[in-house]
Amino acid sequence: MRKLSKLEFISEYKRSDLLEELEDMGFEIMENFVTEEGYNGLLFKREDKTTFLEIENVTRELLVLLDEHDARYGGWTTEVIK
């Protein structure tokens, strides 16, 4: 399963540290965007196992990481890969 996630930066000053940590976790940084509220956002992806527990664990890790870097988790979508 490929997990495509998005986030919004509340504060830009921790952005480079967050990008580095996401890449260290195996995520590929895809593209930047601006939200309707005017925040800078980012799409990132990684292939993961498809069990509920694995998805829950990754999501929990991301919530903690993004909170530490003044960013908001915008959710994720999945794509099944054969």
C-alpha atoms as a PDB file:
ATOM      1  CA  MET A   1       0.000   0.000   0.000  1.00  0.00           C
ATOM      2  CA  ARG A   2       1.283   3.446  -0.828  1.00  0.00           C
ATOM      3  CA  LYS A   3       0.311   6.050   1.733  1.00  0.00           C
ATOM      4  CA  LEU A   4       0.051   9.620   0.432  1.00  0.00           C
ATOM      5  CA  SER A   5      -0.115  12.157   3.240  1.00  0.00           C
ATOM      6  CA  LYS A   6      -0.358  15.907   3.515  1.00  0.00           C
ATOM      7  CA  LEU A   7       0.506  18.430   6.169  1.00  0.00           C
ATOM      8  CA  GLU A   8       0.221  22.163   6.794  1.00  0.00           C
ATOM      9  CA  PHE A   9       3.008  24.252   8.275  1.00  0.00           C
ATOM     10  CA  ILE A  10       1.791  26.499  11.072  1.00  0.00           C
ATOM     11  CA  SER A  11       5.274  27.933  11.407  1.00  0.00           C
ATOM     12  CA  GLU A  12       7.955  27.848   8.723  1.00  0.00           C
ATOM     13  CA  TYR A  13      10.973  27.995  11.022  1.00  0.00           C
ATOM     14  CA  LYS A  14      10.986  24.235  11.765  1.00  0.00           C
ATOM     15  CA  ARG A  15      10.261  23.177   8.179  1.00  0.00           C
ATOM     16  CA  SER A  16      13.741  21.981   7.152  1.00  0.00           C
ATOM     17  CA  ASP A  17      14.133  19.885  10.325  1.00  0.00           C
ATOM     18  CA  LEU A  18      10.742  18.277   9.722  1.00  0.00           C
ATOM     19  CA  LEU A  19      11.533  17.481   6.086  1.00  0.00           C
ATOM     20  CA  GLU A  20      14.781  15.839   7.152  1.00  0.00           C
ATOM     21  CA  GLU A  21      13.005  13.714   9.782  1.00  0.00           C
ATOM     22  CA  LEU A  22      10.290  12.646   7.323  1.00  0.00           C
ATOM     23  CA  GLU A  23      12.965  11.553   4.846  1.00  0.00           C
ATOM     24  CA  ASP A  24      14.773   9.687   7.649  1.00  0.00           C
ATOM     25  CA  MET A  25      11.476   7.838   8.289  1.00  0.00           C
ATOM     26  CA  GLY A  26      11.451   6.733   4.637  1.00  0.00           C
ATOM     27  CA  PHE A  27       8.961   9.264   3.276  1.00  0.00           C
ATOM     28  CA  GLU A  28       9.440  10.817  -0.151  1.00  0.00           C
ATOM     29  CA  ILE A  29       8.676  14.534  -0.298  1.00  0.00           C
ATOM     30  CA  MET A  30       6.442  15.165  -3.310  1.00  0.00           C
ATOM     31  CA  GLU A  31       5.166  18.714  -3.718  1.00  0.00           C
ATOM     32  CA  ASN A  32       4.312  21.955  -1.963  1.00  0.00           C
ATOM     33  CA  PHE A  33       0.926  23.670  -1.976  1.00  0.00           C
ATOM     34  CA  VAL A  34      -0.911  26.534  -0.251  1.00  0.00           C
ATOM     35  CA  THR A  35      -4.068  25.731   1.736  1.00  0.00           C
ATOM     36  CA  GLU A  36      -7.303  27.707   1.508  1.00  0.00           C
ATOM     37  CA  GLU A  37      -6.353  29.301   4.843  1.00  0.00           C
ATOM     38  CA  GLY A  38      -3.037  30.475   3.378  1.00  0.00           C
ATOM     39  CA  TYR A  39      -0.745  27.941   5.125  1.00  0.00           C
ATOM     40  CA  ASN A  40       2.105  26.342   3.226  1.00  0.00           C
ATOM     41  CA  GLY A  41       1.503  22.624   2.825  1.00  0.00           C
ATOM     42  CA  LEU A  42       3.375  19.567   1.678  1.00  0.00           C
ATOM     43  CA  LEU A  43       2.532  16.174   0.188  1.00  0.00           C
ATOM     44  CA  PHE A  44       4.680  13.186   1.104  1.00  0.00           C
ATOM     45  CA  LYS A  45       4.430   9.417   0.594  1.00  0.00           C
ATOM     46  CA  ARG A  46       5.778   6.042   1.661  1.00  0.00           C
ATOM     47  CA  GLU A  47       4.898   2.412   1.032  1.00  0.00           C
ATOM     48  CA  ASP A  48       3.695   0.615   4.157  1.00  0.00           C
ATOM     49  CA  LYS A  49       2.060  -2.618   5.289  1.00  0.00           C
ATOM     50  CA  THR A  50      -1.718  -2.607   5.059  1.00  0.00           C
ATOM     51  CA  THR A  51      -2.671  -3.827   8.519  1.00  0.00           C
ATOM     52  CA  PHE A  52      -4.797  -1.594  10.721  1.00  0.00           C
ATOM     53  CA  LEU A  53      -2.142  -1.689  13.448  1.00  0.00           C
ATOM     54  CA  GLU A  54       0.625  -0.567  11.060  1.00  0.00           C
ATOM     55  CA  ILE A  55      -1.482   2.287   9.698  1.00  0.00           C
ATOM     56  CA  GLU A  56      -2.404   3.365  13.225  1.00  0.00           C
ATOM     57  CA  ASN A  57       1.247   3.269  14.362  1.00  0.00           C
ATOM     58  CA  VAL A  58       2.492   5.360  11.424  1.00  0.00           C
ATOM     59  CA  THR A  59      -0.305   7.885  11.871  1.00  0.00           C
ATOM     60  CA  ARG A  60       0.424   8.210  15.589  1.00  0.00           C
ATOM     61  CA  GLU A  61       4.161   8.746  14.874  1.00  0.00           C
ATOM     62  CA  LEU A  62       3.330  11.430  12.316  1.00  0.00           C
ATOM     63  CA  LEU A  63       0.958  13.247  14.684  1.00  0.00           C
ATOM     64  CA  VAL A  64       3.667  13.466  17.346  1.00  0.00           C
ATOM     65  CA  LEU A  65       6.383  14.474  14.871  1.00  0.00           C
ATOM     66  CA  LEU A  66       4.285  17.163  13.213  1.00  0.00           C
ATOM     67  CA  ASP A  67       3.183  18.574  16.562  1.00  0.00           C
ATOM     68  CA  GLU A  68       6.843  18.893  17.573  1.00  0.00           C
ATOM     69  CA  HIS A  69       7.528  20.857  14.367  1.00  0.00           C
ATOM     70  CA  ASP A  70       4.504  23.180  14.463  1.00  0.00           C
ATOM     71  CA  ALA A  71       2.717  21.480  11.574  1.00  0.00           C
ATOM     72  CA  ARG A  72      -0.792  20.044  11.218  1.00  0.00           C
ATOM     73  CA  TYR A  73      -1.505  16.610   9.798  1.00  0.00           C
ATOM     74  CA  GLY A  74      -3.894  16.898   6.881  1.00  0.00           C
ATOM     75  CA  GLY A  75      -4.731  13.214   6.520  1.00  0.00           C
ATOM     76  CA  TRP A  76      -3.799  10.509   4.065  1.00  0.00           C
ATOM     77  CA  THR A  77      -5.061   8.455   1.166  1.00  0.00           C
ATOM     78  CA  THR A  78      -3.969   5.047   0.007  1.00  0.00           C
ATOM     79  CA  GLU A  79      -3.226   3.364  -3.273  1.00  0.00           C
ATOM     80  CA  VAL A  80      -3.006  -0.432  -3.553  1.00  0.00           C
ATOM     81  CA  ILE A  81       0.149  -1.635  -5.312  1.00  0.00           C
ATOM     82  CA  LYS A  82       0.445  -5.105  -6.835  1.00  0.00           C
END
